[in-house]
Amino acid sequence: TAVVAAALAGLAMAPLARRIAPPGLVDIGPAHKLPKLGSSKVMLHSKVSDPAKLAALRAVAATFRSAATA
């Protein structure tokens, strides 16, 4: 994304989870006494009616739920 590109170029900070941050970015939170980021909500909206696609969306939603409680 543009935000990640700006962060990699040293022009910005980006609130990214460690597991998705690309190589080259530095975690500066605790070392620089920055406050913890608040939680955020994710909503999935879809008009999918195909059973196979609906099952895939439900699996994605379940993954988000389990990651949020981990």
N, C-alpha and C. Protein backbone atom coordinates (compact mmCIF):
# COMPACT_ATOMS: atom_id res chain seq x y z
N THR A 1 0.83 -1.20 0.00
CA THR A 1 0.00 0.00 0.00
C THR A 1 0.87 1.25 0.00
N ALA A 2 0.24 2.37 -0.24
CA ALA A 2 0.98 3.64 -0.24
C ALA A 2 1.54 3.95 1.14
N VAL A 3 0.81 3.60 2.18
CA VAL A 3 1.27 3.87 3.55
C VAL A 3 2.53 3.06 3.83
N VAL A 4 2.53 1.81 3.46
CA VAL A 4 3.71 0.96 3.68
C VAL A 4 4.88 1.48 2.86
N ALA A 5 4.63 1.88 1.62
CA ALA A 5 5.71 2.42 0.78
C ALA A 5 6.30 3.68 1.41
N ALA A 6 5.45 4.54 1.96
CA ALA A 6 5.94 5.75 2.62
C ALA A 6 6.77 5.40 3.85
N ALA A 7 6.31 4.42 4.62
CA ALA A 7 7.06 4.01 5.81
C ALA A 7 8.41 3.40 5.42
N LEU A 8 8.42 2.58 4.40
CA LEU A 8 9.68 1.98 3.94
C LEU A 8 10.66 3.04 3.43
N ALA A 9 10.12 4.13 2.88
CA ALA A 9 10.97 5.21 2.38
C ALA A 9 11.42 6.15 3.49
N GLY A 10 10.94 5.90 4.72
CA GLY A 10 11.32 6.75 5.85
C GLY A 10 10.52 8.03 5.94
N LEU A 11 9.38 8.09 5.25
CA LEU A 11 8.56 9.29 5.23
C LEU A 11 7.36 9.24 6.17
N ALA A 12 7.11 8.09 6.77
CA ALA A 12 5.90 7.94 7.59
C ALA A 12 6.08 6.81 8.59
N MET A 13 5.16 6.80 9.55
CA MET A 13 5.02 5.66 10.46
C MET A 13 3.71 4.97 10.09
N ALA A 14 3.67 3.67 10.25
CA ALA A 14 2.47 2.91 9.90
C ALA A 14 2.13 1.93 11.01
N PRO A 15 0.89 1.92 11.47
CA PRO A 15 0.49 0.98 12.51
C PRO A 15 0.20 -0.40 11.91
N LEU A 16 1.22 -1.23 11.84
CA LEU A 16 1.08 -2.56 11.25
C LEU A 16 1.37 -3.63 12.29
N ALA A 17 0.65 -4.73 12.18
CA ALA A 17 0.95 -5.88 13.03
C ALA A 17 2.31 -6.44 12.63
N ARG A 18 3.07 -6.92 13.59
CA ARG A 18 4.40 -7.47 13.29
C ARG A 18 4.35 -8.57 12.24
N ARG A 19 3.31 -9.38 12.29
CA ARG A 19 3.25 -10.52 11.38
C ARG A 19 3.01 -10.12 9.92
N ILE A 20 2.57 -8.88 9.67
CA ILE A 20 2.36 -8.46 8.28
C ILE A 20 3.30 -7.34 7.86
N ALA A 21 4.11 -6.85 8.77
CA ALA A 21 5.05 -5.78 8.43
C ALA A 21 6.14 -6.32 7.51
N PRO A 22 6.40 -5.64 6.41
CA PRO A 22 7.44 -6.13 5.50
C PRO A 22 8.83 -5.93 6.08
N PRO A 23 9.80 -6.70 5.60
CA PRO A 23 11.19 -6.50 6.04
C PRO A 23 11.62 -5.06 5.75
N GLY A 24 12.36 -4.51 6.66
CA GLY A 24 12.84 -3.15 6.49
C GLY A 24 12.15 -2.15 7.40
N LEU A 25 10.98 -2.51 7.93
CA LEU A 25 10.31 -1.63 8.89
C LEU A 25 10.79 -1.96 10.29
N VAL A 26 10.78 -0.98 11.16
CA VAL A 26 11.28 -1.13 12.52
C VAL A 26 10.13 -0.90 13.49
N ASP A 27 9.99 -1.78 14.48
CA ASP A 27 8.99 -1.61 15.54
C ASP A 27 9.51 -0.54 16.49
N ILE A 28 8.86 0.62 16.52
CA ILE A 28 9.36 1.72 17.35
C ILE A 28 8.49 2.00 18.57
N GLY A 29 7.41 1.28 18.76
CA GLY A 29 6.49 1.56 19.87
C GLY A 29 7.13 1.62 21.23
N PRO A 30 7.45 0.49 21.83
CA PRO A 30 7.97 0.50 23.19
C PRO A 30 9.31 1.23 23.33
N ALA A 31 10.17 1.12 22.35
CA ALA A 31 11.49 1.74 22.44
C ALA A 31 11.42 3.27 22.47
N HIS A 32 10.39 3.82 21.88
CA HIS A 32 10.26 5.28 21.80
C HIS A 32 9.13 5.82 22.68
N LYS A 33 8.66 4.97 23.58
CA LYS A 33 7.63 5.35 24.56
C LYS A 33 6.35 5.88 23.90
N LEU A 34 6.02 5.32 22.76
CA LEU A 34 4.76 5.67 22.12
C LEU A 34 3.64 4.89 22.78
N PRO A 35 2.44 5.44 22.83
CA PRO A 35 1.33 4.73 23.47
C PRO A 35 0.91 3.51 22.64
N LYS A 36 0.32 2.54 23.31
CA LYS A 36 -0.23 1.39 22.60
C LYS A 36 -1.38 1.86 21.73
N LEU A 37 -1.53 1.22 20.60
CA LEU A 37 -2.66 1.53 19.73
C LEU A 37 -3.91 0.89 20.30
N GLY A 38 -5.02 1.54 20.11
CA GLY A 38 -6.29 0.98 20.55
C GLY A 38 -6.71 -0.17 19.65
N SER A 39 -7.71 -0.86 20.08
CA SER A 39 -8.21 -1.96 19.26
C SER A 39 -9.05 -1.39 18.11
N SER A 40 -9.25 -2.19 17.11
CA SER A 40 -10.08 -1.78 15.98
C SER A 40 -11.05 -2.89 15.66
N LYS A 41 -12.09 -2.52 14.96
CA LYS A 41 -13.11 -3.50 14.58
C LYS A 41 -13.00 -3.76 13.08
N VAL A 42 -13.27 -4.99 12.71
CA VAL A 42 -13.29 -5.38 11.31
C VAL A 42 -14.68 -5.89 11.00
N MET A 43 -15.26 -5.37 9.93
CA MET A 43 -16.58 -5.84 9.51
C MET A 43 -16.47 -6.34 8.08
N LEU A 44 -17.05 -7.48 7.83
CA LEU A 44 -17.09 -8.02 6.48
C LEU A 44 -18.52 -7.89 5.97
N HIS A 45 -18.68 -7.21 4.86
CA HIS A 45 -19.99 -7.06 4.24
C HIS A 45 -19.97 -7.79 2.90
N SER A 46 -21.03 -8.51 2.62
CA SER A 46 -21.06 -9.26 1.37
C SER A 46 -22.49 -9.50 0.93
N LYS A 47 -22.67 -9.57 -0.37
CA LYS A 47 -23.96 -9.93 -0.95
C LYS A 47 -23.90 -11.33 -1.55
N VAL A 48 -22.89 -12.08 -1.16
CA VAL A 48 -22.68 -13.42 -1.71
C VAL A 48 -23.82 -14.34 -1.30
N SER A 49 -24.32 -15.09 -2.26
CA SER A 49 -25.37 -16.06 -1.95
C SER A 49 -24.97 -17.48 -2.33
N ASP A 50 -23.91 -17.62 -3.11
CA ASP A 50 -23.42 -18.94 -3.49
C ASP A 50 -22.93 -19.67 -2.24
N PRO A 51 -23.42 -20.89 -1.99
CA PRO A 51 -23.05 -21.62 -0.77
C PRO A 51 -21.55 -21.81 -0.56
N ALA A 52 -20.80 -22.10 -1.61
CA ALA A 52 -19.36 -22.31 -1.46
C ALA A 52 -18.65 -21.01 -1.09
N LYS A 53 -19.04 -19.92 -1.73
CA LYS A 53 -18.44 -18.62 -1.43
C LYS A 53 -18.83 -18.16 -0.03
N LEU A 54 -20.07 -18.42 0.35
CA LEU A 54 -20.53 -18.06 1.69
C LEU A 54 -19.76 -18.84 2.75
N ALA A 55 -19.49 -20.10 2.49
CA ALA A 55 -18.70 -20.91 3.43
C ALA A 55 -17.28 -20.35 3.56
N ALA A 56 -16.70 -19.90 2.45
CA ALA A 56 -15.36 -19.31 2.51
C ALA A 56 -15.37 -18.03 3.33
N LEU A 57 -16.38 -17.19 3.13
CA LEU A 57 -16.49 -15.96 3.92
C LEU A 57 -16.66 -16.25 5.40
N ARG A 58 -17.44 -17.27 5.71
CA ARG A 58 -17.62 -17.64 7.12
C ARG A 58 -16.30 -18.12 7.72
N ALA A 59 -15.50 -18.82 6.94
CA ALA A 59 -14.19 -19.27 7.42
C ALA A 59 -13.27 -18.08 7.68
N VAL A 60 -13.31 -17.09 6.80
CA VAL A 60 -12.51 -15.88 7.00
C VAL A 60 -12.95 -15.16 8.26
N ALA A 61 -14.26 -15.02 8.45
CA ALA A 61 -14.79 -14.36 9.64
C ALA A 61 -14.38 -15.10 10.91
N ALA A 62 -14.44 -16.42 10.88
CA ALA A 62 -14.04 -17.22 12.04
C ALA A 62 -12.56 -17.03 12.35
N THR A 63 -11.74 -16.91 11.32
CA THR A 63 -10.31 -16.69 11.53
C THR A 63 -10.07 -15.35 12.20
N PHE A 64 -10.77 -14.31 11.74
CA PHE A 64 -10.65 -12.99 12.38
C PHE A 64 -11.07 -13.06 13.84
N ARG A 65 -12.19 -13.75 14.11
CA ARG A 65 -12.67 -13.85 15.49
C ARG A 65 -11.65 -14.56 16.38
N SER A 66 -11.09 -15.66 15.89
CA SER A 66 -10.13 -16.41 16.73
C SER A 66 -8.84 -15.62 16.92
N ALA A 67 -8.42 -14.86 15.91
CA ALA A 67 -7.22 -14.04 16.06
C ALA A 67 -7.45 -12.90 17.03
N ALA A 68 -8.66 -12.38 17.06
CA ALA A 68 -8.98 -11.25 17.94
C ALA A 68 -9.00 -11.67 19.41
N THR A 69 -9.31 -12.92 19.66
CA THR A 69 -9.38 -13.38 21.05
C THR A 69 -8.08 -14.03 21.52
N ALA A 70 -7.12 -14.18 20.60
CA ALA A 70 -5.84 -14.83 20.95
C ALA A 70 -4.94 -13.89 21.71
